[in-house]
Protein backbone atom coordinates (compact mmCIF):
# COMPACT_ATOMS: atom_id res chain seq x y z
CA MET A 1 42.57 76.43 72.39
CA GLY A 2 41.38 78.25 75.79
CA ALA A 3 42.59 75.22 77.73
CA ARG A 4 45.90 75.29 76.15
CA ARG A 5 46.47 78.87 76.71
CA GLY A 6 45.61 78.05 80.35
CA GLY A 7 48.13 75.20 80.43
CA ARG A 8 50.90 77.57 79.03
CA GLY A 9 50.24 80.30 81.82
CA HIS A 10 50.30 77.74 84.64
CA GLN A 11 53.63 76.30 83.32
CA ALA A 12 55.05 79.92 82.93
CA GLU A 13 53.69 80.57 86.48
CA GLU A 14 55.55 77.45 87.61
CA LYS A 15 58.75 78.08 86.00
CA GLU A 16 58.54 81.69 87.33
CA GLY A 17 58.50 80.46 90.63
CA LEU A 18 61.26 77.78 90.23
CA ILE A 19 63.45 80.61 89.04
CA ASP A 20 62.37 82.92 92.09
CA ASP A 21 63.60 79.85 94.46
CA LEU A 22 66.96 79.62 92.32
CA ARG A 23 67.53 83.35 92.80
CA ALA A 24 67.01 83.20 96.24
CA CYS A 25 69.18 79.82 96.78
CA LEU A 26 71.87 81.68 94.60
CA LEU A 27 72.06 84.51 96.58
CA ARG A 28 72.05 82.73 100.24
CA ARG A 29 74.98 80.86 98.68
CA ARG A 30 76.76 84.03 97.78
CA TRP A 31 76.21 85.50 100.93
CA ARG A 32 77.58 82.61 102.73
CA GLY A 33 80.85 83.01 100.76
CA GLU A 34 80.29 79.66 98.69
CA GLU A 35 81.61 79.62 95.05
CA VAL A 36 79.09 80.20 92.66
CA GLU A 37 79.78 79.18 88.93
CA ALA A 38 78.51 80.77 85.82
CA GLY A 39 75.25 79.05 85.08
CA ASP A 40 75.27 77.33 88.36
CA GLY A 41 71.93 76.32 90.10
CA TYR A 42 69.55 74.02 90.73
CA PHE A 43 66.01 73.37 91.86
CA GLN A 44 64.79 71.09 94.85
CA CYS A 45 62.82 69.03 92.16
CA GLY A 46 65.92 68.46 90.17
CA GLN A 47 65.38 70.44 87.43
CA ILE A 48 68.27 72.55 86.26
CA VAL A 49 68.17 75.84 84.46
CA HIS A 50 70.77 78.09 83.41
CA ILE A 51 69.31 81.13 85.39
CA ALA A 52 71.49 83.80 83.13
CA ASP A 53 69.43 82.67 80.06
CA GLU A 54 66.03 83.20 82.20
CA ASP A 55 66.62 86.33 83.90
CA PRO A 56 68.43 89.45 82.46
CA LYS A 57 68.98 90.74 86.11
CA MET A 58 71.13 87.84 86.81
CA THR A 59 74.83 88.90 86.79
CA GLU A 60 77.38 86.96 84.27
CA LEU A 61 78.55 84.52 87.31
CA GLY A 62 74.70 83.42 87.71
CA VAL A 63 74.36 85.45 91.01
CA LEU A 64 71.07 87.46 91.44
CA ASP A 65 71.56 91.45 92.04
CA PRO A 66 70.04 92.12 95.21
CA PRO A 67 68.37 95.16 95.78
CA HIS A 68 71.17 96.99 97.06
CA VAL A 69 73.28 96.75 94.31
CA LEU A 70 70.72 96.61 91.37
CA PRO A 71 70.79 100.23 90.69
CA LEU A 72 74.90 100.14 90.68
CA MET A 73 74.76 97.08 88.60
CA ASP A 74 72.31 98.22 86.11
CA PHE A 75 74.72 101.18 85.53
CA VAL A 76 77.76 98.90 85.09
CA ARG A 77 75.53 96.93 82.15
CA HIS A 78 75.24 100.49 80.82
CA LEU A 79 78.72 100.94 80.47
CA ARG A 80 79.16 97.43 79.28
CA ALA A 81 76.92 98.13 76.44
CA GLN A 82 78.97 100.68 75.68
CA GLY A 83 81.93 98.25 75.11
CA LEU A 84 83.68 98.82 78.16
CA SER A 85 84.72 96.31 80.39
CA VAL A 86 83.66 97.16 83.96
CA PRO A 87 83.88 94.68 86.74
CA SER A 88 80.80 93.89 88.86
CA VAL A 89 80.01 95.61 92.09
CA ASP A 90 80.35 92.99 95.12
CA PRO A 91 76.80 92.34 96.50
CA LYS A 92 78.56 91.47 99.92
CA ASP A 93 79.31 95.24 100.49
CA GLY A 94 76.73 97.72 101.02
CA GLY A 95 75.86 98.89 97.60
CA ILE A 96 73.72 101.99 97.44
CA PHE A 97 73.38 102.16 101.13
CA ALA A 98 77.11 102.32 101.94
CA ARG A 99 78.31 104.91 104.12
CA ALA A 100 81.67 105.06 103.05
CA LEU A 101 83.01 104.97 99.33
CA PHE A 102 86.61 103.95 98.73
CA PRO A 103 87.68 105.05 95.04
CA GLN A 104 90.59 103.24 93.61
CA VAL A 105 92.42 103.83 90.22
CA THR A 106 91.40 101.23 87.74
CA PRO A 107 90.26 97.60 87.78
CA GLY A 108 93.62 95.27 88.28
CA PRO A 109 94.62 92.28 86.73
CA LYS A 110 92.61 90.08 89.30
CA ALA A 111 89.30 91.99 88.95
CA VAL A 112 89.77 91.28 85.22
CA GLY A 113 89.96 87.73 86.17
CA THR A 114 87.11 87.64 88.80
CA GLN A 115 84.83 90.28 87.05
CA PHE A 116 84.28 91.89 90.53
CA VAL A 117 85.68 94.70 92.23
CA SER A 118 86.03 93.16 95.68
CA GLN A 119 87.68 92.89 98.80
CA ASP A 120 87.90 89.33 98.15
CA ASN A 121 89.73 89.35 95.02
CA PRO A 122 92.93 87.09 95.07
CA ASP A 123 95.65 89.82 95.29
CA TRP A 124 97.74 91.52 97.90
CA THR A 125 95.87 95.09 97.33
CA ALA A 126 92.49 93.30 98.13
CA ARG A 127 93.91 91.62 100.96
CA ASN A 128 95.22 94.86 102.51
CA MET A 129 91.78 96.58 101.84
CA LYS A 130 89.92 94.18 103.43
CA ARG A 131 92.21 93.70 106.57
CA THR A 132 92.48 97.55 106.96
CA LEU A 133 88.68 97.95 106.79
CA GLY A 134 88.13 95.37 109.47
CA GLU A 135 90.48 96.73 111.55
CA ALA A 136 89.18 100.15 111.43
CA GLY A 137 85.93 98.63 112.64
CA PHE A 138 84.12 98.85 109.11
CA LEU A 139 81.57 96.10 108.44
CA ARG A 140 81.17 94.93 104.84
CA SER A 141 77.77 96.57 104.54
CA ASP A 142 79.13 99.93 105.59
CA VAL A 143 81.36 100.32 102.33
CA VAL A 144 81.23 99.99 98.50
CA LEU A 145 84.57 100.03 96.43
CA TRP A 146 84.73 101.76 92.86
CA ASN A 147 87.38 102.92 90.38
CA VAL A 148 87.84 106.45 89.04
CA VAL A 149 88.43 104.77 85.71
CA PRO A 150 86.05 102.00 86.27
CA TYR A 151 86.74 100.03 83.07
CA CYS A 152 90.01 97.88 82.28
CA ILE A 153 92.69 99.51 80.54
CA GLY A 154 95.06 96.71 81.42
CA THR A 155 94.72 92.95 80.92
CA ILE A 156 94.66 89.79 83.21
CA ASP A 157 98.60 89.69 82.83
CA ARG A 158 99.51 93.36 83.48
CA ASN A 159 98.20 96.47 85.27
CA LYS A 160 97.98 99.76 83.63
CA ASN A 161 97.83 103.19 85.08
CA PRO A 162 95.51 105.77 83.53
CA THR A 163 96.60 108.88 82.23
CA VAL A 164 95.08 112.30 83.67
CA ALA A 165 93.15 112.48 80.67
CA GLN A 166 91.33 108.90 81.00
CA ILE A 167 90.41 110.01 84.88
CA ILE A 168 88.86 113.56 83.42
CA GLU A 169 87.16 111.22 80.50
CA ALA A 170 85.53 108.86 83.13
CA ILE A 171 84.45 111.59 85.69
CA PRO A 172 80.72 111.34 84.36
CA TYR A 173 80.80 107.59 85.20
CA THR A 174 82.06 107.98 88.79
CA GLN A 175 79.80 111.02 89.37
CA ALA A 176 76.65 108.67 88.20
CA PHE A 177 78.03 105.89 90.39
CA ILE A 178 78.34 108.67 93.47
CA ASP A 179 74.98 110.21 92.88
CA GLU A 180 73.48 106.52 93.70
CA LEU A 181 74.79 106.52 97.06
CA LYS A 182 72.31 108.13 99.27
CA SER A 183 73.45 107.30 102.45
CA LEU A 184 77.09 108.34 101.85
CA ARG A 185 79.09 110.13 104.50
CA VAL A 186 82.67 109.84 103.84
CA VAL A 187 85.14 109.13 100.83
CA VAL A 188 88.72 107.86 101.14
CA TYR A 189 90.80 108.43 97.72
CA CYS A 190 92.91 105.63 97.97
CA GLY A 191 96.34 106.60 95.71
CA LEU A 192 97.41 109.79 93.94
CA ASP A 193 95.78 108.69 90.67
CA ALA A 194 92.38 108.36 92.59
CA GLN A 195 92.97 111.78 94.02
CA LYS A 196 93.26 113.39 90.86
CA ALA A 197 89.54 112.91 90.33
CA GLN A 198 88.50 114.82 93.58
CA LYS A 199 88.58 118.08 92.09
CA TYR A 200 85.94 117.46 89.42
CA LEU A 201 83.45 115.41 91.54
CA ARG A 202 80.36 116.70 93.51
CA PHE A 203 79.23 115.78 96.90
CA PRO A 204 76.24 116.50 99.00
CA ALA A 205 77.00 119.04 101.87
CA GLY A 206 78.22 117.02 104.97
CA VAL A 207 80.11 114.42 103.24
CA HIS A 208 83.89 114.35 104.10
CA GLN A 209 86.70 113.27 101.84
CA LEU A 210 90.08 111.87 103.00
CA LEU A 211 93.16 111.17 101.22
CA THR A 212 95.47 108.45 101.95
CA TYR A 213 98.14 105.98 99.80
CA HIS A 214 97.04 102.94 97.36
CA LEU A 215 96.90 99.62 99.27
CA SER A 216 99.24 98.02 96.76
CA PRO A 217 102.13 96.29 98.61
CA LYS A 218 104.51 98.93 97.51
CA SER A 219 102.67 101.42 99.81
CA PHE A 220 101.40 98.92 102.57
CA ASN A 221 104.62 97.38 103.40
CA HIS A 222 106.10 100.71 103.94
CA SER A 223 105.71 101.55 107.54
CA ARG A 224 105.18 105.20 107.41
CA LEU A 225 102.55 104.71 104.33
CA SER A 226 100.69 101.81 105.90
CA LYS A 227 100.30 104.04 109.04
CA ASP A 228 98.82 106.65 107.10
CA ILE A 229 96.37 104.25 105.41
CA GLN A 230 95.39 102.91 108.66
CA ALA A 231 94.95 106.08 110.40
CA THR A 232 92.92 107.53 107.55
CA PHE A 233 90.40 104.33 107.57
CA LYS A 234 90.12 104.66 111.27
CA ARG A 235 89.12 108.55 110.89
CA ALA A 236 86.68 107.60 108.02
CA TYR A 237 84.99 104.79 110.21
CA ASP A 238 84.78 107.48 113.21
CA LEU A 239 83.39 109.99 111.01
CA VAL A 240 80.57 107.29 109.60
CA MET A 241 79.77 106.36 113.37
CA HIS A 242 79.28 109.90 114.44
């Protein structure tokens, strides 16, 4: 019996090593911008394992939560356990090491579909965010995105704006998210609804708070509003860098 226990232990160690290899492989692919499907993965030896079934710290898309987003994703999973539909934090961004936080309103239809709050989502708000952050000088590692109502209240087909009561109800969730950001230097509230959360939130001394418009096409395609967004993002970048 002792030999059999030893055999099972060796097999378990070998399997754990293979899982570690797959984690690293999936993470490299994600950071290179490659598509990773649910349950995706392979081992060099040809053995296929659905990693989400093997490791609880894998996201729904089969991608490892790297250390810089793991505390945030643990919090997201806590909200999901309460029955809330909360998209994942994008591991391409800065996670807990982000120096700039950009609160928006609530996950839109594309975030419902991709299950990520991401600059890479296939909608114009995300594209405008990515473009404006880049033009201001931000790296992905400098920023993190969040919604003041972090769970979906719309559908994949229809967006829905939260009420003031819903924004206030979600304040503890946003505050808990903020408390994980130990390097935070500036917060940029994007849109009037996001700004309604400002007075209820607490930040360490020295964290700057800026206000601008939402980055939806309705605002971004308006010359005066887009100039305000661009100037505010540039000011945020300057505050982070100095």
